[in-house]
Amino acid sequence: MMANSFIPIGVKIIGYLSIFYGSLMSLIGIFLAIFVAIYPNPFSWLFTLLQMIPGLIFLIFGIISIIVGAAFLKGSNIARIIIIILSILDLFFFPIGTIVGTILLLYLFSPGVVSYFKEY
């Protein structure tokens, strides 16, 4: 780590929200998988396995979000690039995603944030 350990407040907010969001997604994924395991499909075990897929997807994306959020807080430029890509995808979810994606993109390309990630 560099001598200047100042982390921009927006980076902290985005990082902690990513970790919180990932934790929430992971919990939802675990809940869905447990629910399907407790109440299996009476017709076939294959249908039961197929019903677990959404829970596993939530769990996988939740874990990825936690890892990206932690890396973002540590100043990883790869985590910044991943969040930029996700922000671009957010632009297609009109109107809320468009607003959030635009704000994130403007912030992530601001000179102070770019220079913070170039330090590490």
Protein backbone atom coordinates (compact mmCIF):
# COMPACT_ATOMS: atom_id res chain seq x y z
CA MET A 1 0.00 0.00 0.00
CA MET A 2 1.18 3.49 -0.72
CA ALA A 3 2.02 6.04 1.97
CA ASN A 4 -1.16 7.97 1.14
CA SER A 5 -3.91 5.67 2.39
CA PHE A 6 -6.77 8.11 1.75
CA ILE A 7 -9.76 6.26 0.28
CA PRO A 8 -12.33 8.47 -1.48
CA ILE A 9 -15.71 8.39 0.26
CA GLY A 10 -17.49 7.27 -2.91
CA VAL A 11 -15.14 4.30 -3.21
CA LYS A 12 -15.97 3.32 0.36
CA ILE A 13 -19.70 3.64 -0.30
CA ILE A 14 -19.59 1.61 -3.52
CA GLY A 15 -17.36 -1.05 -1.93
CA TYR A 16 -19.47 -1.47 1.19
CA LEU A 17 -22.72 -1.48 -0.81
CA SER A 18 -21.28 -4.17 -3.07
CA ILE A 19 -20.38 -6.28 -0.04
CA PHE A 20 -23.82 -5.71 1.51
CA TYR A 21 -25.59 -6.51 -1.76
CA GLY A 22 -23.49 -9.66 -2.20
CA SER A 23 -24.27 -10.78 1.34
CA LEU A 24 -27.98 -10.25 0.74
CA MET A 25 -27.86 -12.15 -2.57
CA SER A 26 -25.97 -15.01 -0.93
CA LEU A 27 -28.52 -15.27 1.86
CA ILE A 28 -31.38 -15.29 -0.65
CA GLY A 29 -29.60 -18.00 -2.64
CA ILE A 30 -29.07 -20.14 0.45
CA PHE A 31 -32.70 -19.62 1.48
CA LEU A 32 -33.97 -20.65 -1.97
CA ALA A 33 -31.79 -23.76 -2.05
CA ILE A 34 -32.86 -24.80 1.46
CA PHE A 35 -36.53 -24.13 0.65
CA VAL A 36 -36.37 -26.36 -2.42
CA ALA A 37 -34.52 -29.05 -0.44
CA ILE A 38 -37.13 -29.01 2.32
CA TYR A 39 -40.09 -28.96 -0.07
CA PRO A 40 -38.95 -31.00 -3.08
CA ASN A 41 -40.98 -31.34 -6.23
CA PRO A 42 -43.19 -34.41 -5.74
CA PHE A 43 -43.08 -35.34 -9.42
CA SER A 44 -39.37 -35.78 -10.06
CA TRP A 45 -35.94 -35.33 -8.51
CA LEU A 46 -34.85 -33.69 -11.77
CA PHE A 47 -37.41 -30.91 -11.33
CA THR A 48 -36.15 -30.42 -7.78
CA LEU A 49 -32.58 -29.98 -9.04
CA LEU A 50 -33.75 -27.55 -11.72
CA GLN A 51 -35.59 -25.52 -9.09
CA MET A 52 -32.33 -25.17 -7.12
CA ILE A 53 -30.58 -23.43 -10.03
CA PRO A 54 -31.89 -19.90 -9.25
CA GLY A 55 -30.71 -20.23 -5.65
CA LEU A 56 -27.27 -21.35 -6.77
CA ILE A 57 -27.08 -18.47 -9.26
CA PHE A 58 -27.94 -16.00 -6.49
CA LEU A 59 -25.30 -17.58 -4.27
CA ILE A 60 -22.58 -17.48 -6.95
CA PHE A 61 -23.27 -13.86 -7.93
CA GLY A 62 -23.46 -12.90 -4.26
CA ILE A 63 -20.03 -14.35 -3.56
CA ILE A 64 -18.60 -12.62 -6.64
CA SER A 65 -20.12 -9.31 -5.50
CA ILE A 66 -18.53 -9.68 -2.05
CA ILE A 67 -15.12 -10.41 -3.58
CA VAL A 68 -15.37 -7.48 -6.02
CA GLY A 69 -16.49 -5.12 -3.24
CA ALA A 70 -13.57 -6.12 -1.01
CA ALA A 71 -11.10 -5.77 -3.90
CA PHE A 72 -12.62 -2.38 -4.77
CA LEU A 73 -12.02 -1.17 -1.21
CA LYS A 74 -8.40 -2.31 -1.45
CA GLY A 75 -7.87 -0.25 -4.62
CA SER A 76 -7.93 -3.01 -7.23
CA ASN A 77 -8.26 -1.54 -10.71
CA ILE A 78 -9.69 -4.84 -11.97
CA ALA A 79 -12.55 -4.47 -9.47
CA ARG A 80 -13.07 -0.92 -10.80
CA ILE A 81 -13.26 -2.27 -14.35
CA ILE A 82 -15.78 -4.94 -13.30
CA ILE A 83 -17.95 -2.30 -11.63
CA ILE A 84 -17.69 -0.13 -14.76
CA ILE A 85 -18.90 -3.06 -16.89
CA LEU A 86 -21.80 -3.71 -14.50
CA SER A 87 -22.65 0.00 -14.53
CA ILE A 88 -22.82 -0.06 -18.32
CA LEU A 89 -25.21 -3.01 -18.10
CA ASP A 90 -27.28 -1.05 -15.56
CA LEU A 91 -27.92 1.61 -18.21
CA PHE A 92 -30.37 -0.75 -19.94
CA PHE A 93 -32.66 -1.01 -16.88
CA PHE A 94 -34.69 2.16 -17.40
CA PRO A 95 -35.29 4.39 -15.37
CA ILE A 96 -33.60 3.46 -12.06
CA GLY A 97 -30.73 1.47 -13.57
CA THR A 98 -30.08 4.23 -16.08
CA ILE A 99 -29.78 6.83 -13.32
CA VAL A 100 -27.62 4.64 -11.05
CA GLY A 101 -25.43 3.47 -13.93
CA THR A 102 -24.87 7.02 -15.16
CA ILE A 103 -23.94 8.29 -11.69
CA LEU A 104 -21.55 5.38 -11.13
CA LEU A 105 -19.89 5.83 -14.53
CA LEU A 106 -19.44 9.57 -14.01
CA TYR A 107 -17.95 8.93 -10.58
CA LEU A 108 -15.69 6.05 -11.62
CA PHE A 109 -14.21 8.12 -14.45
CA SER A 110 -13.69 11.25 -12.34
CA PRO A 111 -10.03 12.32 -12.08
CA GLY A 112 -9.75 11.76 -8.33
CA VAL A 113 -11.04 8.20 -8.49
CA VAL A 114 -8.92 7.32 -11.55
CA SER A 115 -5.80 8.64 -9.82
CA TYR A 116 -6.66 6.68 -6.64
CA PHE A 117 -6.80 3.43 -8.58
CA LYS A 118 -3.60 4.24 -10.49
CA GLU A 119 -1.73 4.49 -7.17
CA TYR A 120 -2.40 0.84 -6.31
